[in-house]
C-alpha atoms as a PDB file:
ATOM      1  CA  MET A   1       0.045  -5.201  19.972  1.00  0.00           C
ATOM      2  CA  LYS A   2      -2.190  -7.845  18.063  1.00  0.00           C
ATOM      3  CA  ARG A   3      -1.404  -9.040  14.086  1.00  0.00           C
ATOM      4  CA  ARG A   4      -3.852  -7.282  12.790  1.00  0.00           C
ATOM      5  CA  GLU A   5      -2.947  -3.734  15.150  1.00  0.00           C
ATOM      6  CA  GLN A   6       1.409  -4.447  13.650  1.00  0.00           C
ATOM      7  CA  TRP A   7      -0.744  -4.292  10.414  1.00  0.00           C
ATOM      8  CA  GLN A   8      -2.063  -1.221  10.176  1.00  0.00           C
ATOM      9  CA  ALA A   9       1.256   0.294  11.130  1.00  0.00           C
ATOM     10  CA  VAL A  10       2.817  -0.761   8.614  1.00  0.00           C
ATOM     11  CA  LEU A  11      -0.013  -0.616   6.199  1.00  0.00           C
ATOM     12  CA  ASP A  12      -0.200   3.651   8.170  1.00  0.00           C
ATOM     13  CA  HIS A  13       3.592   3.586   7.055  1.00  0.00           C
ATOM     14  CA  GLU A  14       3.399   2.725   3.547  1.00  0.00           C
ATOM     15  CA  VAL A  15      -0.109   4.282   2.801  1.00  0.00           C
ATOM     16  CA  GLN A  16       2.256   7.910   4.228  1.00  0.00           C
ATOM     17  CA  ARG A  17       5.273   6.913   1.856  1.00  0.00           C
ATOM     18  CA  TRP A  18       2.997   6.999  -1.189  1.00  0.00           C
ATOM     19  CA  SER A  19       0.742   9.045  -0.395  1.00  0.00           C
ATOM     20  CA  ASN A  20       3.293  11.744  -0.857  1.00  0.00           C
ATOM     21  CA  MET A  21       5.520  10.250  -3.896  1.00  0.00           C
ATOM     22  CA  PRO A  22       5.071  13.130  -6.381  1.00  0.00           C
ATOM     23  CA  TYR A  23       2.238  12.401  -9.176  1.00  0.00           C
ATOM     24  CA  ASP A  24       4.274  11.177 -11.750  1.00  0.00           C
ATOM     25  CA  GLU A  25       6.825   8.547  -9.108  1.00  0.00           C
ATOM     26  CA  LEU A  26       3.596   7.362  -8.482  1.00  0.00           C
ATOM     27  CA  ILE A  27       2.069   6.344 -11.728  1.00  0.00           C
ATOM     28  CA  CYS A  28       5.055   5.490 -13.483  1.00  0.00           C
ATOM     29  CA  VAL A  29       6.301   3.068  -9.954  1.00  0.00           C
ATOM     30  CA  LEU A  30       3.350   1.396  -9.969  1.00  0.00           C
ATOM     31  CA  ARG A  31       2.463   0.842 -13.686  1.00  0.00           C
ATOM     32  CA  ASP A  32       2.163  -2.615 -13.375  1.00  0.00           C
ATOM     33  CA  GLN A  33       1.685  -4.131  -9.218  1.00  0.00           C
ATOM     34  CA  HIS A  34       4.074  -3.746  -6.985  1.00  0.00           C
ATOM     35  CA  ALA A  35       4.613  -6.255  -4.356  1.00  0.00           C
ATOM     36  CA  TYR A  36       7.432  -6.089  -1.293  1.00  0.00           C
ATOM     37  CA  GLU A  37       8.829  -7.715   1.972  1.00  0.00           C
ATOM     38  CA  VAL A  38       8.760  -4.634   4.333  1.00  0.00           C
ATOM     39  CA  GLU A  39      10.791  -5.306   8.365  1.00  0.00           C
ATOM     40  CA  PHE A  40       8.792  -3.024  10.953  1.00  0.00           C
ATOM     41  CA  ASP A  41       9.219  -3.662  14.759  1.00  0.00           C
ATOM     42  CA  SER A  42      11.500  -6.722  14.060  1.00  0.00           C
ATOM     43  CA  LYS A  43       9.133  -8.478  12.005  1.00  0.00           C
ATOM     44  CA  LYS A  44       8.992  -8.849   8.156  1.00  0.00           C
ATOM     45  CA  TYR A  45       5.182  -8.049   6.216  1.00  0.00           C
ATOM     46  CA  GLN A  46       3.936  -7.861   2.912  1.00  0.00           C
ATOM     47  CA  VAL A  47       3.122  -5.171   1.157  1.00  0.00           C
ATOM     48  CA  GLU A  48       1.119  -5.319  -1.876  1.00  0.00           C
ATOM     49  CA  ILE A  49       0.359  -1.618  -3.930  1.00  0.00           C
ATOM     50  CA  GLU A  50      -1.249  -1.353  -7.399  1.00  0.00           C
ATOM     51  CA  ILE A  51      -4.311   1.088  -9.152  1.00  0.00           C
ATOM     52  CA  LEU A  52      -7.379   0.236  -9.029  1.00  0.00           C
ATOM     53  CA  LYS A  53      -8.863   2.917 -10.812  1.00  0.00           C
ATOM     54  CA  SER A  54      -7.101   6.046 -13.661  1.00  0.00           C
ATOM     55  CA  VAL A  55      -9.232   8.648 -14.876  1.00  0.00           C
ATOM     56  CA  GLY A  56      -8.442  11.239 -16.172  1.00  0.00           C
ATOM     57  CA  GLN A  57      -5.904  13.273 -13.764  1.00  0.00           C
ATOM     58  CA  SER A  58      -7.340  11.311 -10.872  1.00  0.00           C
ATOM     59  CA  VAL A  59      -5.499   7.540  -9.828  1.00  0.00           C
ATOM     60  CA  GLN A  60      -6.949   5.607  -6.998  1.00  0.00           C
ATOM     61  CA  VAL A  61      -4.406   3.023  -5.263  1.00  0.00           C
ATOM     62  CA  MET A  62      -4.701   0.557  -3.506  1.00  0.00           C
ATOM     63  CA  ILE A  63      -2.587  -0.747  -0.634  1.00  0.00           C
ATOM     64  CA  ALA A  64      -2.481  -4.473   1.347  1.00  0.00           C
ATOM     65  CA  VAL A  65      -0.021  -5.632   4.299  1.00  0.00           C
ATOM     66  CA  ASP A  66      -0.112  -8.204   5.517  1.00  0.00           C
ATOM     67  CA  ASP A  67       2.502 -11.043   7.283  1.00  0.00           C
ATOM     68  CA  GLY A  68       1.888 -14.159   5.404  1.00  0.00           C
ATOM     69  CA  SER A  69       0.534 -15.742   7.987  1.00  0.00           C
ATOM     70  CA  LEU A  70      -2.505 -18.086   6.702  1.00  0.00           C
ATOM     71  CA  PRO A  71      -4.953 -17.931   7.598  1.00  0.00           C
ATOM     72  CA  ALA A  72      -5.067 -14.974   8.575  1.00  0.00           C
ATOM     73  CA  SER A  73      -3.428 -12.828   4.997  1.00  0.00           C
ATOM     74  CA  LEU A  74      -6.272 -13.894   3.141  1.00  0.00           C
ATOM     75  CA  SER A  75      -7.920 -11.112   4.201  1.00  0.00           C
ATOM     76  CA  PRO A  76      -5.055  -8.021   4.659  1.00  0.00           C
ATOM     77  CA  ALA A  77      -5.710  -4.732   5.909  1.00  0.00           C
ATOM     78  CA  THR A  78      -6.044  -2.181   3.238  1.00  0.00           C
ATOM     79  CA  ARG A  79      -6.624   1.284   2.349  1.00  0.00           C
ATOM     80  CA  VAL A  80      -7.630   3.149  -0.381  1.00  0.00           C
ATOM     81  CA  PHE A  81      -5.806   6.929  -1.390  1.00  0.00           C
ATOM     82  CA  THR A  82      -6.752   8.535  -5.196  1.00  0.00           C
ATOM     83  CA  ARG A  83      -4.251  10.994  -6.047  1.00  0.00           C
ATOM     84  CA  ASN A  84      -4.816  14.094  -8.045  1.00  0.00           C
ATOM     85  CA  ARG A  85      -2.186  15.028 -10.808  1.00  0.00           C
ATOM     86  CA  PRO A  86      -0.979  18.287  -9.158  1.00  0.00           C
ATOM     87  CA  VAL A  87      -2.370  21.856 -11.915  1.00  0.00           C
END
């Protein structure tokens, strides 16, 4: 599997995990930019997640994944999702 495909697999997993988190918990955890390391298929990846925009009862969240190698990590795999507070 190529580097970008590996990053995408990790990104898919992290997006699933974070987008399923309850709204209030997501907001609480992401008050500041959040960075951590995960292991996937015996390799380590860097994950950064932050709230890009918060308007009313909606937040826009960005997740980025890379393996820390330069120069490839200057352009990580990213995804943005929107989460609305349940009514």
